[in-house]
């Protein structure tokens, strides 16, 4: 994870230099032309931005830059004493929550995590899907099903595939019509069960053959 630390005050720059030295693959950034112009310039160059400054200015700077949580860099905001390390953007897929905990451990401060699944101890569906190399066929349902998991404490799960150990807050059901989450080979479930979150394994591989008649012994 490639990160950059930005700071505005003398105290903030001292902390930034310390973090840049101690965090792996991290460097201290130079603020040129104002913080908004700087963040815009660095936005696509790093996986994470650590901003030692007021959260308000960071929110205003990143708001027009945010596109999608799958591609946006994570953004942390902390005060110059490192007392509070806020995971502001891309906490899950971008690794912001994990980075916030790491930085807080270095500064002796508190990581401020607001994502509901982390606070309540429930499964973060986006992370579970990525960890299991699954493909979302209807990503627009992810937020709703994630909210149900947090609000009700569990979601119903149906699979037509062999499946390993499931999270404790997944309740296995016998029919796809009863499921909040469906895991199968077929993407047709999206149309059949529009209220469910449909997942498929990434099991297709594309290759290019260059020689006819090549035998296995030639490999």
Protein backbone atom coordinates (compact mmCIF):
# COMPACT_ATOMS: atom_id res chain seq x y z
CA UNK A 1 0.00 0.00 0.00
CA UNK A 2 1.59 3.27 -1.15
CA UNK A 3 0.68 6.20 1.10
CA UNK A 4 1.52 9.88 1.43
CA UNK A 5 1.32 12.11 4.52
CA UNK A 6 0.26 15.74 4.23
CA UNK A 7 0.40 18.39 6.96
CA UNK A 8 -0.12 22.14 7.26
CA UNK A 9 1.27 23.17 10.64
CA UNK A 10 4.76 22.90 12.12
CA UNK A 11 3.57 20.32 14.66
CA UNK A 12 1.72 18.45 11.95
CA UNK A 13 4.81 18.29 9.76
CA UNK A 14 6.83 16.85 12.64
CA UNK A 15 4.28 14.06 13.04
CA UNK A 16 4.12 13.59 9.25
CA UNK A 17 7.88 13.10 9.08
CA UNK A 18 7.68 10.49 11.83
CA UNK A 19 4.88 8.58 10.13
CA UNK A 20 6.62 8.72 6.75
CA UNK A 21 9.74 7.26 8.34
CA UNK A 22 8.01 4.49 10.27
CA UNK A 23 5.22 3.38 7.91
CA UNK A 24 6.18 1.00 5.15
CA UNK A 25 6.03 2.46 1.62
CA UNK A 26 5.02 5.89 2.91
CA UNK A 27 6.40 9.31 2.05
CA UNK A 28 5.88 12.88 3.12
CA UNK A 29 4.12 15.01 0.55
CA UNK A 30 4.74 18.66 -0.24
CA UNK A 31 1.76 20.99 -0.10
CA UNK A 32 1.97 23.23 -3.17
CA UNK A 33 -0.71 25.65 -4.33
CA UNK A 34 -2.95 24.95 -1.33
CA UNK A 35 -4.21 21.71 0.17
CA UNK A 36 -7.11 21.30 -2.27
CA UNK A 37 -4.84 21.53 -5.29
CA UNK A 38 -2.32 19.22 -3.63
CA UNK A 39 -4.85 16.51 -2.82
CA UNK A 40 -6.22 16.71 -6.36
CA UNK A 41 -2.71 16.28 -7.76
CA UNK A 42 -1.91 13.29 -5.55
CA UNK A 43 -5.32 11.61 -5.65
CA UNK A 44 -4.60 9.00 -8.32
CA UNK A 45 -0.94 8.51 -7.39
CA UNK A 46 -1.38 6.85 -3.99
CA UNK A 47 -3.43 4.10 -2.36
CA UNK A 48 -3.86 6.17 0.78
CA UNK A 49 -3.70 9.81 1.89
CA UNK A 50 -2.95 10.63 5.53
CA UNK A 51 -3.97 14.21 6.24
CA UNK A 52 -2.84 15.89 9.46
CA UNK A 53 -5.28 18.78 9.53
CA UNK A 54 -8.91 19.69 10.18
CA UNK A 55 -11.41 17.19 8.80
CA UNK A 56 -13.53 19.95 7.25
CA UNK A 57 -10.90 21.04 4.76
CA UNK A 58 -10.21 17.42 3.79
CA UNK A 59 -13.90 16.74 3.20
CA UNK A 60 -14.14 19.77 0.92
CA UNK A 61 -11.00 18.72 -0.95
CA UNK A 62 -11.95 15.09 -1.59
CA UNK A 63 -15.68 15.55 -2.26
CA UNK A 64 -15.34 16.37 -5.98
CA UNK A 65 -12.74 13.63 -6.46
CA UNK A 66 -14.67 10.62 -5.11
CA UNK A 67 -15.79 8.22 -7.84
CA UNK A 68 -16.25 4.69 -6.47
CA UNK A 69 -15.24 2.95 -3.26
CA UNK A 70 -13.63 0.18 -5.32
CA UNK A 71 -11.07 2.58 -6.80
CA UNK A 72 -10.87 5.63 -4.52
CA UNK A 73 -7.79 5.82 -2.25
CA UNK A 74 -8.39 5.62 1.45
CA UNK A 75 -8.21 8.90 3.36
CA UNK A 76 -7.26 9.33 7.01
CA UNK A 77 -7.56 12.56 8.99
CA UNK A 78 -5.79 13.16 12.28
CA UNK A 79 -4.88 16.03 14.57
CA UNK A 80 -1.26 17.09 14.90
CA UNK A 81 -0.91 15.33 18.25
CA UNK A 82 -2.19 12.06 16.80
CA UNK A 83 -4.92 11.76 19.42
CA UNK A 84 -7.66 10.83 16.95
CA UNK A 85 -7.10 9.00 13.67
CA UNK A 86 -10.27 9.16 11.58
CA UNK A 87 -10.86 6.67 8.77
CA UNK A 88 -12.70 9.08 6.49
CA UNK A 89 -12.91 7.31 3.13
CA UNK A 90 -12.53 3.78 1.71
CA UNK A 91 -12.37 2.14 5.12
CA UNK A 92 -13.04 -1.38 3.89
CA UNK A 93 -11.95 -2.01 0.33
CA UNK A 94 -9.39 0.78 0.41
CA UNK A 95 -7.86 -0.43 3.67
CA UNK A 96 -8.54 2.81 5.56
CA UNK A 97 -9.78 1.17 8.75
CA UNK A 98 -6.76 -1.10 8.96
CA UNK A 99 -4.40 1.80 8.27
CA UNK A 100 -6.14 3.98 10.88
CA UNK A 101 -5.57 1.32 13.53
CA UNK A 102 -1.92 1.04 12.49
CA UNK A 103 -1.36 4.80 12.65
CA UNK A 104 -3.19 5.11 15.97
CA UNK A 105 -0.96 2.43 17.45
CA UNK A 106 2.07 4.47 16.37
CA UNK A 107 0.79 7.78 17.75
CA UNK A 108 -0.77 6.39 20.91
CA UNK A 109 -4.14 7.77 19.83
CA UNK A 110 -7.57 6.32 19.09
CA UNK A 111 -8.64 5.01 15.69
CA UNK A 112 -12.04 6.48 14.83
CA UNK A 113 -13.91 3.82 12.84
CA UNK A 114 -17.51 4.53 11.86
CA UNK A 115 -18.38 1.69 9.46
CA UNK A 116 -21.30 -0.14 11.01
CA UNK A 117 -20.03 -3.69 10.51
CA UNK A 118 -16.79 -2.89 12.33
CA UNK A 119 -18.59 -1.17 15.19
CA UNK A 120 -21.14 -3.96 15.66
CA UNK A 121 -18.75 -6.83 15.00
CA UNK A 122 -20.65 -8.18 11.99
CA UNK A 123 -19.22 -9.45 8.74
CA UNK A 124 -18.11 -6.77 6.28
CA UNK A 125 -19.73 -8.19 3.15
CA UNK A 126 -17.53 -6.33 0.67
CA UNK A 127 -14.39 -7.68 2.32
CA UNK A 128 -15.81 -11.21 2.60
CA UNK A 129 -16.73 -11.19 -1.09
CA UNK A 130 -13.26 -10.05 -2.12
CA UNK A 131 -11.50 -12.50 0.22
CA UNK A 132 -13.44 -15.39 -1.33
CA UNK A 133 -12.77 -14.27 -4.93
CA UNK A 134 -16.47 -13.83 -5.71
CA UNK A 135 -18.11 -11.58 -8.26
CA UNK A 136 -21.07 -9.33 -7.49
CA UNK A 137 -23.71 -9.69 -10.17
CA UNK A 138 -25.96 -6.93 -8.79
CA UNK A 139 -23.75 -4.60 -6.72
CA UNK A 140 -26.62 -2.17 -6.19
CA UNK A 141 -27.99 -4.64 -3.62
CA UNK A 142 -24.84 -4.66 -1.49
CA UNK A 143 -25.74 -1.64 0.63
CA UNK A 144 -29.23 -2.89 1.41
CA UNK A 145 -28.12 -6.39 2.38
CA UNK A 146 -25.24 -4.98 4.44
CA UNK A 147 -27.71 -2.76 6.29
CA UNK A 148 -29.97 -5.73 6.97
CA UNK A 149 -27.04 -7.67 8.39
CA UNK A 150 -26.22 -4.83 10.79
CA UNK A 151 -29.83 -4.10 11.74
CA UNK A 152 -31.06 -7.68 12.17
CA UNK A 153 -27.83 -9.40 13.17
CA UNK A 154 -27.84 -11.99 10.40
CA UNK A 155 -28.68 -12.62 6.74
CA UNK A 156 -30.01 -15.75 5.05
CA UNK A 157 -27.62 -17.50 2.68
CA UNK A 158 -28.19 -20.05 -0.07
CA UNK A 159 -25.53 -21.78 -2.11
CA UNK A 160 -25.69 -24.44 -4.80
CA UNK A 161 -21.91 -24.87 -4.58
CA UNK A 162 -19.61 -26.58 -2.10
CA UNK A 163 -18.83 -23.94 0.47
CA UNK A 164 -16.37 -23.80 3.32
CA UNK A 165 -16.92 -22.35 6.74
CA UNK A 166 -19.32 -19.42 6.67
CA UNK A 167 -19.45 -16.40 8.98
CA UNK A 168 -21.49 -16.86 12.13
CA UNK A 169 -24.00 -14.23 11.03
CA UNK A 170 -24.89 -16.14 7.82
CA UNK A 171 -27.96 -18.37 8.22
CA UNK A 172 -28.07 -21.14 5.60
CA UNK A 173 -31.47 -21.70 3.97
CA UNK A 174 -32.64 -24.51 1.68
CA UNK A 175 -34.21 -22.43 -1.10
CA UNK A 176 -32.89 -19.42 -3.04
CA UNK A 177 -36.28 -17.74 -2.70
CA UNK A 178 -35.64 -17.49 1.05
CA UNK A 179 -32.14 -16.05 0.75
CA UNK A 180 -30.72 -12.57 1.16
CA UNK A 181 -27.49 -13.79 -0.47
CA UNK A 182 -27.32 -16.37 -3.27
CA UNK A 183 -24.08 -18.03 -4.34
CA UNK A 184 -24.24 -20.08 -7.55
CA UNK A 185 -22.71 -20.57 -10.97
CA UNK A 186 -25.61 -18.82 -12.68
CA UNK A 187 -26.14 -15.07 -12.99
CA UNK A 188 -29.79 -15.70 -13.98
CA UNK A 189 -30.64 -15.51 -10.28
CA UNK A 190 -30.46 -11.72 -10.57
CA UNK A 191 -33.68 -11.68 -12.57
CA UNK A 192 -35.35 -14.49 -10.64
CA UNK A 193 -34.60 -13.12 -7.17
CA UNK A 194 -34.21 -9.33 -7.53
CA UNK A 195 -34.17 -8.67 -3.78
CA UNK A 196 -31.20 -10.96 -3.15
CA UNK A 197 -27.50 -10.22 -3.47
CA UNK A 198 -26.25 -12.61 -6.16
CA UNK A 199 -22.65 -13.86 -6.14
CA UNK A 200 -20.76 -16.03 -8.60
CA UNK A 201 -17.29 -17.56 -8.29
CA UNK A 202 -14.60 -16.18 -10.58
CA UNK A 203 -14.12 -19.46 -12.39
CA UNK A 204 -13.64 -18.49 -16.04
CA UNK A 205 -10.15 -18.19 -17.49
CA UNK A 206 -9.25 -16.84 -20.90
CA UNK A 207 -6.25 -18.22 -22.73
CA UNK A 208 -4.73 -17.97 -26.18
CA UNK A 209 -3.51 -21.04 -28.06
CA UNK A 210 -0.79 -20.44 -30.64
CA UNK A 211 -0.04 -23.89 -32.09
CA UNK A 212 -2.40 -26.53 -33.43
CA UNK A 213 -1.82 -30.10 -32.45
CA UNK A 214 0.31 -29.32 -29.41
CA UNK A 215 0.38 -32.32 -27.08
CA UNK A 216 0.55 -32.33 -23.30
CA UNK A 217 4.07 -33.74 -23.53
CA UNK A 218 5.25 -30.52 -25.17
CA UNK A 219 4.52 -28.50 -22.05
